[in-house]
C-alpha atoms as a PDB file:
ATOM      1  CA  UNK A   1     -13.088 -11.265 -15.586  1.00  0.00           C
ATOM      2  CA  UNK A   2     -15.383 -11.756 -12.404  1.00  0.00           C
ATOM      3  CA  UNK A   3     -17.123  -8.321 -12.919  1.00  0.00           C
ATOM      4  CA  UNK A   4     -18.083  -8.950 -16.522  1.00  0.00           C
ATOM      5  CA  UNK A   5     -21.659  -8.147 -16.115  1.00  0.00           C
ATOM      6  CA  UNK A   6     -20.872  -4.502 -15.227  1.00  0.00           C
ATOM      7  CA  UNK A   7     -22.560  -3.558 -18.587  1.00  0.00           C
ATOM      8  CA  UNK A   8     -25.915  -4.748 -17.439  1.00  0.00           C
ATOM      9  CA  UNK A   9     -25.446  -1.930 -14.475  1.00  0.00           C
ATOM     10  CA  UNK A  10     -25.248   1.380 -16.566  1.00  0.00           C
ATOM     11  CA  UNK A  11     -26.902   3.184 -13.459  1.00  0.00           C
ATOM     12  CA  UNK A  12     -24.422   2.084 -11.332  1.00  0.00           C
ATOM     13  CA  UNK A  13     -23.235   4.859  -8.890  1.00  0.00           C
ATOM     14  CA  UNK A  14     -20.099   4.991  -6.824  1.00  0.00           C
ATOM     15  CA  UNK A  15     -20.986   5.044  -3.041  1.00  0.00           C
ATOM     16  CA  UNK A  16     -20.335   8.460  -1.675  1.00  0.00           C
ATOM     17  CA  UNK A  17     -19.192   6.993   1.540  1.00  0.00           C
ATOM     18  CA  UNK A  18     -15.931   5.946  -0.532  1.00  0.00           C
ATOM     19  CA  UNK A  19     -14.953   9.556  -1.098  1.00  0.00           C
ATOM     20  CA  UNK A  20     -16.148  11.158   2.379  1.00  0.00           C
ATOM     21  CA  UNK A  21     -13.750  13.575   2.257  1.00  0.00           C
ATOM     22  CA  UNK A  22     -14.439  15.221  -0.904  1.00  0.00           C
ATOM     23  CA  UNK A  23     -17.547  17.632  -2.194  1.00  0.00           C
ATOM     24  CA  UNK A  24     -19.164  15.673  -4.254  1.00  0.00           C
ATOM     25  CA  UNK A  25     -20.848  18.281  -5.915  1.00  0.00           C
ATOM     26  CA  UNK A  26     -17.907  19.358  -8.030  1.00  0.00           C
ATOM     27  CA  UNK A  27     -15.715  16.234  -8.345  1.00  0.00           C
ATOM     28  CA  UNK A  28     -14.211  15.762 -11.361  1.00  0.00           C
ATOM     29  CA  UNK A  29     -13.936  11.822 -11.271  1.00  0.00           C
ATOM     30  CA  UNK A  30     -11.637  11.517 -14.425  1.00  0.00           C
ATOM     31  CA  UNK A  31      -8.991  14.173 -12.809  1.00  0.00           C
ATOM     32  CA  UNK A  32      -9.183  12.040  -9.552  1.00  0.00           C
ATOM     33  CA  UNK A  33      -9.524   8.693 -11.289  1.00  0.00           C
ATOM     34  CA  UNK A  34      -6.558   7.400  -9.146  1.00  0.00           C
ATOM     35  CA  UNK A  35      -8.250   8.115  -6.022  1.00  0.00           C
ATOM     36  CA  UNK A  36     -11.671   6.579  -7.262  1.00  0.00           C
ATOM     37  CA  UNK A  37     -10.257   3.445  -8.461  1.00  0.00           C
ATOM     38  CA  UNK A  38      -7.849   3.026  -5.283  1.00  0.00           C
ATOM     39  CA  UNK A  39     -10.943   3.662  -3.015  1.00  0.00           C
ATOM     40  CA  UNK A  40     -12.810   1.112  -5.019  1.00  0.00           C
ATOM     41  CA  UNK A  41     -10.223  -1.564  -4.886  1.00  0.00           C
ATOM     42  CA  UNK A  42      -9.518  -1.145  -1.237  1.00  0.00           C
ATOM     43  CA  UNK A  43     -13.610  -0.731  -0.067  1.00  0.00           C
ATOM     44  CA  UNK A  44     -15.542  -0.964  -2.918  1.00  0.00           C
ATOM     45  CA  UNK A  45     -18.605  -3.484  -3.233  1.00  0.00           C
ATOM     46  CA  UNK A  46     -19.584  -4.915  -6.827  1.00  0.00           C
ATOM     47  CA  UNK A  47     -21.921  -2.106  -7.417  1.00  0.00           C
ATOM     48  CA  UNK A  48     -18.880   0.265  -6.965  1.00  0.00           C
ATOM     49  CA  UNK A  49     -17.030  -1.877  -9.556  1.00  0.00           C
ATOM     50  CA  UNK A  50     -19.625  -1.680 -11.808  1.00  0.00           C
ATOM     51  CA  UNK A  51     -19.951   1.980 -11.595  1.00  0.00           C
ATOM     52  CA  UNK A  52     -16.010   2.428 -12.091  1.00  0.00           C
ATOM     53  CA  UNK A  53     -15.811   0.325 -14.902  1.00  0.00           C
ATOM     54  CA  UNK A  54     -18.789   1.987 -16.807  1.00  0.00           C
ATOM     55  CA  UNK A  55     -17.495   5.381 -16.014  1.00  0.00           C
ATOM     56  CA  UNK A  56     -13.592   4.690 -16.857  1.00  0.00           C
ATOM     57  CA  UNK A  57     -13.519   1.378 -19.045  1.00  0.00           C
ATOM     58  CA  UNK A  58     -11.805  -1.821 -18.419  1.00  0.00           C
ATOM     59  CA  UNK A  59      -8.483  -0.926 -19.909  1.00  0.00           C
ATOM     60  CA  UNK A  60      -8.346   2.288 -18.171  1.00  0.00           C
ATOM     61  CA  UNK A  61      -9.055   0.863 -15.063  1.00  0.00           C
ATOM     62  CA  UNK A  62      -6.483  -1.744 -15.654  1.00  0.00           C
ATOM     63  CA  UNK A  63      -3.742   0.942 -16.320  1.00  0.00           C
ATOM     64  CA  UNK A  64      -4.810   2.920 -13.387  1.00  0.00           C
ATOM     65  CA  UNK A  65      -4.294   0.012 -11.049  1.00  0.00           C
ATOM     66  CA  UNK A  66      -0.957  -0.923 -12.598  1.00  0.00           C
ATOM     67  CA  UNK A  67       0.143   2.547 -11.521  1.00  0.00           C
ATOM     68  CA  UNK A  68      -1.250   2.830  -8.055  1.00  0.00           C
ATOM     69  CA  UNK A  69       1.255   3.868  -5.778  1.00  0.00           C
ATOM     70  CA  UNK A  70       0.280   1.498  -2.549  1.00  0.00           C
ATOM     71  CA  UNK A  71      -2.052  -1.430  -2.005  1.00  0.00           C
ATOM     72  CA  UNK A  72      -1.825  -4.061   0.618  1.00  0.00           C
ATOM     73  CA  UNK A  73      -0.849  -7.773  -0.385  1.00  0.00           C
ATOM     74  CA  UNK A  74      -4.298  -8.872  -0.414  1.00  0.00           C
ATOM     75  CA  UNK A  75      -5.637  -6.252  -2.773  1.00  0.00           C
ATOM     76  CA  UNK A  76      -2.512  -6.484  -4.801  1.00  0.00           C
ATOM     77  CA  UNK A  77      -3.265 -10.197  -5.462  1.00  0.00           C
ATOM     78  CA  UNK A  78      -6.898  -9.648  -5.936  1.00  0.00           C
ATOM     79  CA  UNK A  79      -6.309  -7.044  -8.871  1.00  0.00           C
ATOM     80  CA  UNK A  80      -3.484  -8.993 -10.203  1.00  0.00           C
ATOM     81  CA  UNK A  81      -5.944 -11.962 -10.272  1.00  0.00           C
ATOM     82  CA  UNK A  82      -8.814 -10.191 -11.328  1.00  0.00           C
ATOM     83  CA  UNK A  83      -7.415  -8.455 -14.615  1.00  0.00           C
ATOM     84  CA  UNK A  84      -4.827 -11.085 -15.134  1.00  0.00           C
ATOM     85  CA  UNK A  85      -2.094  -8.494 -14.542  1.00  0.00           C
ATOM     86  CA  UNK A  86       1.245 -10.065 -13.882  1.00  0.00           C
ATOM     87  CA  UNK A  87       2.103  -8.813  -9.940  1.00  0.00           C
ATOM     88  CA  UNK A  88       5.121  -7.617 -11.070  1.00  0.00           C
ATOM     89  CA  UNK A  89       3.915  -5.239 -13.072  1.00  0.00           C
ATOM     90  CA  UNK A  90       2.135  -3.339 -10.490  1.00  0.00           C
ATOM     91  CA  UNK A  91       4.000  -0.279  -9.342  1.00  0.00           C
ATOM     92  CA  UNK A  92       2.928  -1.107  -5.696  1.00  0.00           C
ATOM     93  CA  UNK A  93       4.370  -4.226  -5.766  1.00  0.00           C
ATOM     94  CA  UNK A  94       7.677  -2.793  -7.317  1.00  0.00           C
ATOM     95  CA  UNK A  95       7.712  -0.074  -4.774  1.00  0.00           C
ATOM     96  CA  UNK A  96       7.203  -2.678  -1.885  1.00  0.00           C
ATOM     97  CA  UNK A  97      10.369  -4.771  -3.127  1.00  0.00           C
ATOM     98  CA  UNK A  98      12.680  -1.941  -3.217  1.00  0.00           C
ATOM     99  CA  UNK A  99      12.060  -1.138   0.473  1.00  0.00           C
ATOM    100  CA  UNK A 100      14.997  -2.693   2.632  1.00  0.00           C
ATOM    101  CA  UNK A 101      13.931  -4.503   5.887  1.00  0.00           C
ATOM    102  CA  UNK A 102      15.897  -5.908   8.334  1.00  0.00           C
ATOM    103  CA  UNK A 103      16.628  -9.543   8.061  1.00  0.00           C
ATOM    104  CA  UNK A 104      15.058 -10.863  11.519  1.00  0.00           C
ATOM    105  CA  UNK A 105      11.944  -8.463  11.533  1.00  0.00           C
END
């Protein structure tokens, strides 16, 4: 995995600007895990990834990513390759396939 060195950064913190609309003084990271991980996937820098992986662990991050309701195509492909998750196992991919589009749109 690309972020294998995350254990070397135990003091890494998630950038508060990723969660700008929340009051982080009483923020429950475990309860809001999906939002935190989605923001890290969409906008996070390596330090944010290190913090998320240290906070939740690799398997929990991987399982949460599988259940995210929406990711754009670029982010879907990135996490699929990064965590070696078949893209067809991502909930966001499955939901996207269910949406019917016009044949010439």
